[in-house]
Each structure stands twice: as structure tokens, then as C-alpha cells.
C-alpha atoms as a PDB file:
ATOM      1  CA  MET A   1      -3.615   1.770 -25.796  1.00  0.00           C
ATOM      2  CA  SER A   2      -6.074   4.332 -24.452  1.00  0.00           C
ATOM      3  CA  ARG A   3      -6.586   4.829 -20.790  1.00  0.00           C
ATOM      4  CA  ARG A   4      -9.978   3.892 -19.426  1.00  0.00           C
ATOM      5  CA  PRO A   5     -11.501   6.732 -17.207  1.00  0.00           C
ATOM      6  CA  ALA A   6     -11.630   5.806 -13.528  1.00  0.00           C
ATOM      7  CA  SER A   7     -15.543   6.186 -13.659  1.00  0.00           C
ATOM      8  CA  SER A   8     -15.682   3.533 -16.296  1.00  0.00           C
ATOM      9  CA  VAL A   9     -13.623   1.034 -14.317  1.00  0.00           C
ATOM     10  CA  ALA A  10     -15.552   1.683 -11.129  1.00  0.00           C
ATOM     11  CA  ALA A  11     -18.813   1.183 -12.946  1.00  0.00           C
ATOM     12  CA  ASP A  12     -17.680  -2.312 -13.919  1.00  0.00           C
ATOM     13  CA  LEU A  13     -16.722  -3.465 -10.342  1.00  0.00           C
ATOM     14  CA  THR A  14     -19.080  -5.411  -8.111  1.00  0.00           C
ATOM     15  CA  HIS A  15     -16.623  -5.122  -5.167  1.00  0.00           C
ATOM     16  CA  LYS A  16     -16.467  -1.325  -4.809  1.00  0.00           C
ATOM     17  CA  CYS A  17     -15.263   0.901  -2.076  1.00  0.00           C
ATOM     18  CA  ALA A  18     -18.307   1.831  -0.035  1.00  0.00           C
ATOM     19  CA  SER A  19     -17.003   3.893   2.915  1.00  0.00           C
ATOM     20  CA  HIS A  20     -14.503   6.600   3.906  1.00  0.00           C
ATOM     21  CA  ARG A  21     -12.616   3.781   5.626  1.00  0.00           C
ATOM     22  CA  TRP A  22     -12.077   2.284   2.243  1.00  0.00           C
ATOM     23  CA  ASP A  23     -13.786  -0.904   2.806  1.00  0.00           C
ATOM     24  CA  CYS A  24     -15.494  -3.023   0.249  1.00  0.00           C
ATOM     25  CA  GLY A  25     -19.241  -2.617   0.220  1.00  0.00           C
ATOM     26  CA  ARG A  26     -19.801  -6.118  -0.807  1.00  0.00           C
ATOM     27  CA  CYS A  27     -17.463  -8.299   1.420  1.00  0.00           C
ATOM     28  CA  GLY A  28     -16.336  -5.726   4.026  1.00  0.00           C
ATOM     29  CA  GLN A  29     -12.638  -6.297   3.450  1.00  0.00           C
ATOM     30  CA  PRO A  30     -10.277  -3.388   2.991  1.00  0.00           C
ATOM     31  CA  TRP A  31     -10.579  -2.151  -0.626  1.00  0.00           C
ATOM     32  CA  PRO A  32      -9.277  -3.238  -2.915  1.00  0.00           C
ATOM     33  CA  CYS A  33     -10.187  -6.774  -1.718  1.00  0.00           C
ATOM     34  CA  GLU A  34      -8.923  -9.745  -3.688  1.00  0.00           C
ATOM     35  CA  PRO A  35     -12.124  -9.942  -5.799  1.00  0.00           C
ATOM     36  CA  ALA A  36     -11.866  -6.317  -6.606  1.00  0.00           C
ATOM     37  CA  ARG A  37      -8.341  -6.652  -7.641  1.00  0.00           C
ATOM     38  CA  GLU A  38      -9.342  -9.499  -9.957  1.00  0.00           C
ATOM     39  CA  GLU A  39     -12.062  -7.281 -11.444  1.00  0.00           C
ATOM     40  CA  VAL A  40      -9.706  -4.353 -11.845  1.00  0.00           C
ATOM     41  CA  ARG A  41      -7.159  -6.602 -13.664  1.00  0.00           C
ATOM     42  CA  ALA A  42      -9.796  -7.897 -15.989  1.00  0.00           C
ATOM     43  CA  SER A  43     -11.179  -4.581 -16.715  1.00  0.00           C
ATOM     44  CA  PHE A  44      -7.737  -3.314 -18.035  1.00  0.00           C
ATOM     45  CA  HIS A  45      -7.259  -6.310 -20.335  1.00  0.00           C
ATOM     46  CA  GLY A  46      -3.435  -6.633 -19.682  1.00  0.00           C
ATOM     47  CA  ASP A  47      -2.858  -2.836 -19.668  1.00  0.00           C
ATOM     48  CA  ARG A  48      -0.653  -3.048 -16.529  1.00  0.00           C
ATOM     49  CA  VAL A  49       0.382   0.665 -16.795  1.00  0.00           C
ATOM     50  CA  GLY A  50      -3.153   1.755 -17.090  1.00  0.00           C
ATOM     51  CA  MET A  51      -4.119  -0.435 -14.231  1.00  0.00           C
ATOM     52  CA  ALA A  52      -1.298   1.010 -12.022  1.00  0.00           C
ATOM     53  CA  MET A  53      -2.270   4.567 -12.969  1.00  0.00           C
ATOM     54  CA  TYR A  54      -5.900   3.903 -11.988  1.00  0.00           C
ATOM     55  CA  MET A  55      -4.769   2.450  -8.742  1.00  0.00           C
ATOM     56  CA  GLY A  56      -2.435   5.322  -8.129  1.00  0.00           C
ATOM     57  CA  GLU A  57      -5.424   7.637  -8.454  1.00  0.00           C
ATOM     58  CA  GLN A  58      -7.282   5.473  -5.940  1.00  0.00           C
ATOM     59  CA  LEU A  59      -4.236   5.524  -3.544  1.00  0.00           C
ATOM     60  CA  VAL A  60      -4.238   9.421  -3.672  1.00  0.00           C
ATOM     61  CA  SER A  61      -7.995   9.521  -2.800  1.00  0.00           C
ATOM     62  CA  ALA A  62      -7.567   6.972  -0.007  1.00  0.00           C
ATOM     63  CA  ALA A  63      -4.586   8.839   1.401  1.00  0.00           C
ATOM     64  CA  ARG A  64      -6.770  11.945   1.788  1.00  0.00           C
ATOM     65  CA  GLU A  65      -9.216  10.023   3.809  1.00  0.00           C
ATOM     66  CA  LEU A  66      -7.056   7.481   5.662  1.00  0.00           C
ATOM     67  CA  ARG A  67      -4.634  10.065   7.200  1.00  0.00           C
ATOM     68  CA  GLY A  68      -3.393   7.659   9.981  1.00  0.00           C
ATOM     69  CA  GLU A  69      -2.342   4.923   7.439  1.00  0.00           C
ATOM     70  CA  SER A  70       1.314   4.762   6.658  1.00  0.00           C
ATOM     71  CA  PRO A  71       2.351   5.404   3.108  1.00  0.00           C
ATOM     72  CA  ALA A  72       4.106   2.049   2.888  1.00  0.00           C
ATOM     73  CA  LYS A  73       0.825   0.206   3.818  1.00  0.00           C
ATOM     74  CA  LEU A  74      -1.089   2.267   1.289  1.00  0.00           C
ATOM     75  CA  TYR A  75       1.465   1.478  -1.363  1.00  0.00           C
ATOM     76  CA  GLU A  76       1.223  -2.209  -0.638  1.00  0.00           C
ATOM     77  CA  ARG A  77      -2.556  -2.105  -0.557  1.00  0.00           C
ATOM     78  CA  PHE A  78      -3.101  -0.143  -3.781  1.00  0.00           C
ATOM     79  CA  ILE A  79       0.063  -0.474  -5.968  1.00  0.00           C
ATOM     80  CA  LEU A  80       2.236  -3.412  -5.127  1.00  0.00           C
ATOM     81  CA  TRP A  81      -0.142  -6.034  -6.381  1.00  0.00           C
ATOM     82  CA  THR A  82      -0.472  -4.327  -9.817  1.00  0.00           C
ATOM     83  CA  ARG A  83       3.162  -5.304 -10.708  1.00  0.00           C
END
């Protein structure tokens, strides 16, 4: 199964990260909010490895901007739900 480029996934989302605080631009919740998680799941069509890799990329980007956030919280927010 080929991996989707991050830009392709992001283009499909209606609940997107819209700030350097990593909040959803649509509902204001911390991104990925539950609707964004559902959209990400759907966009990967069951490719859980690809989805986890995509969210890992998002975690790295967020960690650069959310320097005060604990690694455990970032893991929970970006990766744990992909399992």
C-alpha cells in the first residue's frame, strides 16, 4: 500500500490545525480533535501504519512549536489513538 503525502491528507481535512498552538481552526479544540481523527482515519482507508506515520510527522512538527508540552501528552494526543 502506498503512503499518502501529508499535503494530500491535510487537503482532505475540514478540521485542520490552524494555529501555532495546534488548535483546530474549525472547532477550536486541540488538534487533532475528534472530528479530525475521524477524517484522518477515513483518508487512510484502513492503512493504520500510514496513518501512524502521518501522525508521527504531525507530532514532530507540533513538538517544535509546543515546547512546553510533555512528550507523553504529545504521544497521547497524536499517536495513541491511531492504534
